[in-house]
Amino acid sequence: MVRSHPSELTIDPSRGLRLRLSGPADAETITAWLSQEQVHRWWGGAPVALEEVRAKYTGARLPGVVVHVIETAAGPVGLIQAWHERGRCGLDMFLAAGAQGRGLGPVVARALAEELTARGWRELTVDPAVDDGRAVRAWQRAGFVPTGERGVDGGQETEVMVFAPVAATAPGAVDRPPAVLTDGGGDRRGTP
């Protein structure tokens, strides 16, 4: 089943925080991010070559994998991808080293998870490395809760978490204004 997704999602206009579909022009920027140890440590364990970035993170895997560039008013700061295969769907995300620790991840993840859930994506999961406590906590602030299931990704033990919108309103969860999205058919204001 092909699932719909936004081509753009404005998350917080006051910070210029938005998502847009990645494309070939983003390949060098994404490659530079993935050469940063603070990024690739948790994203495959080693820098990623430009050709692999072009093949994986610039739109070539649509519709099964939808890759968005995360932008602020200052410019691009990271990547979030939504995927679906064999009845499962999930998110993966990283922020450039200079954008980490500013609270952007939970806000972006929650906004995209809410939008995808509203579009019918169910059992939306993430799988941060168990040793990456910062990522686990960020996903929790975005509304993801542990399932008790463990996995392995890139040789690292992971904790499988599922989006539970109720958790997004719990203490410590992020708050954000309603998103504005574009899905090819024009803009609409949404309160996912």
Protein backbone atom coordinates (compact mmCIF):
# COMPACT_ATOMS: atom_id res chain seq x y z
CA MET A 1 0.00 0.00 0.00
CA VAL A 2 1.31 3.46 -0.91
CA ARG A 3 0.93 5.86 1.98
CA SER A 4 0.53 9.59 1.57
CA HIS A 5 3.02 12.00 3.08
CA PRO A 6 3.52 15.76 3.17
CA SER A 7 5.99 17.28 0.74
CA GLU A 8 6.45 20.19 3.16
CA LEU A 9 5.51 20.69 6.78
CA THR A 10 5.92 24.02 8.55
CA ILE A 11 6.32 23.20 12.23
CA ASP A 12 7.21 26.44 14.01
CA PRO A 13 7.12 29.59 11.85
CA SER A 14 8.72 31.69 14.61
CA ARG A 15 11.92 29.64 14.27
CA GLY A 16 11.52 28.94 10.56
CA LEU A 17 11.33 25.25 11.53
CA ARG A 18 10.03 23.16 8.68
CA LEU A 19 10.46 19.96 6.71
CA ARG A 20 10.81 19.67 2.96
CA LEU A 21 11.44 16.69 0.72
CA SER A 22 15.12 16.07 0.11
CA GLY A 23 16.47 16.04 -3.43
CA PRO A 24 19.71 15.62 -5.38
CA ALA A 25 20.84 19.16 -4.49
CA ASP A 26 20.97 18.09 -0.81
CA ALA A 27 23.43 15.22 -1.33
CA GLU A 28 26.62 17.11 -0.46
CA THR A 29 25.12 18.69 2.66
CA ILE A 30 23.81 15.32 3.89
CA THR A 31 27.20 13.73 3.16
CA ALA A 32 28.92 16.45 5.21
CA TRP A 33 26.57 15.83 8.14
CA LEU A 34 27.20 12.09 7.95
CA SER A 35 30.95 12.71 8.11
CA GLN A 36 30.53 14.26 11.58
CA GLU A 37 31.42 11.78 14.31
CA GLN A 38 28.52 13.01 16.50
CA VAL A 39 26.16 11.98 13.68
CA HIS A 40 27.60 8.82 12.13
CA ARG A 41 28.36 7.33 15.55
CA TRP A 42 24.62 6.59 15.82
CA TRP A 43 23.87 6.43 12.06
CA GLY A 44 25.74 3.39 10.76
CA GLY A 45 29.00 3.91 12.65
CA ALA A 46 31.05 5.42 9.80
CA PRO A 47 30.88 8.31 7.33
CA VAL A 48 28.64 7.69 4.32
CA ALA A 49 29.95 8.22 0.79
CA LEU A 50 28.33 10.74 -1.55
CA GLU A 51 27.08 8.05 -3.96
CA GLU A 52 25.39 6.15 -1.14
CA VAL A 53 23.79 9.37 0.09
CA ARG A 54 22.46 10.03 -3.43
CA ALA A 55 21.01 6.53 -3.57
CA LYS A 56 19.44 6.54 -0.11
CA TYR A 57 18.65 10.07 1.04
CA THR A 58 17.70 12.23 -1.94
CA GLY A 59 14.31 10.85 -2.97
CA ALA A 60 15.41 7.79 -4.96
CA ARG A 61 13.56 5.37 -2.65
CA LEU A 62 10.12 7.02 -2.83
CA PRO A 63 7.42 5.99 -2.03
CA GLY A 64 8.78 3.36 0.41
CA VAL A 65 11.16 5.79 2.10
CA VAL A 66 10.30 9.48 2.33
CA VAL A 67 13.27 11.66 3.27
CA HIS A 68 12.80 15.20 4.56
CA VAL A 69 15.44 17.83 5.23
CA ILE A 70 14.91 19.65 8.54
CA GLU A 71 15.35 23.40 8.18
CA THR A 72 15.41 26.38 10.51
CA ALA A 73 15.54 30.05 9.54
CA ALA A 74 19.35 29.66 9.46
CA GLY A 75 19.21 26.81 6.92
CA PRO A 76 19.25 22.98 6.82
CA VAL A 77 20.10 21.27 10.11
CA GLY A 78 19.23 17.58 9.73
CA LEU A 79 17.27 14.78 8.16
CA ILE A 80 14.20 12.74 9.11
CA GLN A 81 12.93 9.83 7.06
CA ALA A 82 9.67 7.93 7.21
CA TRP A 83 9.56 4.40 5.86
CA HIS A 84 7.07 1.60 5.41
CA GLU A 85 7.58 -2.00 4.42
CA ARG A 86 5.90 -5.35 5.09
CA GLY A 87 3.17 -3.80 7.24
CA ARG A 88 5.55 -1.83 9.45
CA CYS A 89 6.40 1.86 9.39
CA GLY A 90 8.79 4.07 11.25
CA LEU A 91 10.99 7.13 11.49
CA ASP A 92 14.74 7.68 11.57
CA MET A 93 16.31 11.06 12.24
CA PHE A 94 19.60 12.81 12.83
CA LEU A 95 20.59 16.41 13.44
CA ALA A 96 23.87 17.96 12.34
CA ALA A 97 26.36 18.25 15.19
CA GLY A 98 25.79 22.01 15.55
CA ALA A 99 22.02 21.59 15.79
CA GLN A 100 22.01 18.97 18.53
CA GLY A 101 20.92 19.80 22.05
CA ARG A 102 18.54 22.61 21.05
CA GLY A 103 15.28 20.68 21.39
CA LEU A 104 14.62 20.51 17.65
CA GLY A 105 14.47 16.71 17.39
CA PRO A 106 11.44 16.09 19.61
CA VAL A 107 9.48 18.95 18.03
CA VAL A 108 10.18 17.74 14.48
CA ALA A 109 9.56 14.08 15.30
CA ARG A 110 6.26 14.77 17.04
CA ALA A 111 5.00 16.99 14.20
CA LEU A 112 5.80 14.45 11.50
CA ALA A 113 4.50 11.52 13.58
CA GLU A 114 1.20 13.32 14.17
CA GLU A 115 0.84 14.16 10.48
CA LEU A 116 1.66 10.63 9.32
CA THR A 117 -0.67 9.11 11.92
CA ALA A 118 -3.47 11.39 10.67
CA ARG A 119 -2.75 10.04 7.18
CA GLY A 120 -3.16 6.42 8.30
CA TRP A 121 0.38 5.41 9.22
CA ARG A 122 -0.16 3.11 12.22
CA GLU A 123 2.23 1.57 14.71
CA LEU A 124 4.82 4.19 13.79
CA THR A 125 8.06 3.04 15.38
CA VAL A 126 11.61 4.23 16.05
CA ASP A 127 14.63 2.25 17.19
CA PRO A 128 17.32 4.38 18.87
CA ALA A 129 20.46 2.69 20.12
CA VAL A 130 20.06 1.62 23.73
CA ASP A 131 23.40 3.32 24.53
CA ASP A 132 22.18 6.63 23.06
CA GLY A 133 20.24 7.84 26.10
CA ARG A 134 19.91 11.34 24.64
CA ALA A 135 18.07 9.98 21.58
CA VAL A 136 15.87 7.68 23.66
CA ARG A 137 14.82 10.64 25.83
CA ALA A 138 14.22 12.85 22.76
CA TRP A 139 11.95 10.24 21.17
CA GLN A 140 10.08 9.93 24.49
CA ARG A 141 9.53 13.72 24.55
CA ALA A 142 8.16 13.39 21.02
CA GLY A 143 5.53 10.89 22.22
CA PHE A 144 7.19 7.52 21.60
CA VAL A 145 7.05 4.84 24.31
CA PRO A 146 9.15 1.69 24.71
CA THR A 147 7.55 -1.54 23.52
CA GLY A 148 9.86 -3.81 25.48
CA GLU A 149 11.20 -5.16 22.18
CA ARG A 150 14.90 -4.90 21.37
CA GLY A 151 16.56 -5.04 17.98
CA VAL A 152 19.94 -4.64 16.35
CA ASP A 153 20.81 -1.96 13.80
CA GLY A 154 24.30 -1.38 12.49
CA GLY A 155 25.68 -3.72 15.15
CA GLN A 156 24.12 -1.69 17.97
CA GLU A 157 21.38 -2.93 20.28
CA THR A 158 18.26 -0.80 19.80
CA GLU A 159 15.12 -0.10 21.79
CA VAL A 160 11.94 -0.31 19.72
CA MET A 161 9.50 2.47 20.58
CA VAL A 162 6.03 3.20 19.20
CA PHE A 163 4.25 6.54 18.76
CA ALA A 164 1.53 6.96 21.38
CA PRO A 165 -0.07 10.38 20.82
CA VAL A 166 -1.31 10.47 24.42
CA ALA A 167 2.32 10.30 25.55
CA ALA A 168 2.98 13.49 23.61
CA THR A 169 0.84 15.39 26.12
CA ALA A 170 2.54 13.93 29.19
CA PRO A 171 4.81 16.04 31.43
CA GLY A 172 8.10 16.73 29.67
CA ALA A 173 6.60 16.32 26.20
CA VAL A 174 7.18 19.05 23.67
CA ASP A 175 4.54 21.58 22.78
CA ARG A 176 4.31 23.16 19.37
CA PRO A 177 1.95 25.30 17.33
CA PRO A 178 -0.26 23.67 14.67
CA ALA A 179 1.67 22.65 11.56
CA VAL A 180 1.10 23.97 8.07
CA LEU A 181 1.69 21.42 5.36
CA THR A 182 1.87 21.08 1.64
CA ASP A 183 1.26 17.77 -0.06
CA GLY A 184 1.29 18.82 -3.66
CA GLY A 185 -2.33 19.94 -3.57
CA GLY A 186 -1.75 23.26 -1.84
CA ASP A 187 -1.40 24.37 1.75
CA ARG A 188 -3.71 23.44 4.57
CA ARG A 189 -3.48 24.26 8.22
CA GLY A 190 -3.63 21.17 10.35
CA THR A 191 -3.91 20.37 13.98
CA PRO A 192 -2.85 16.74 13.83
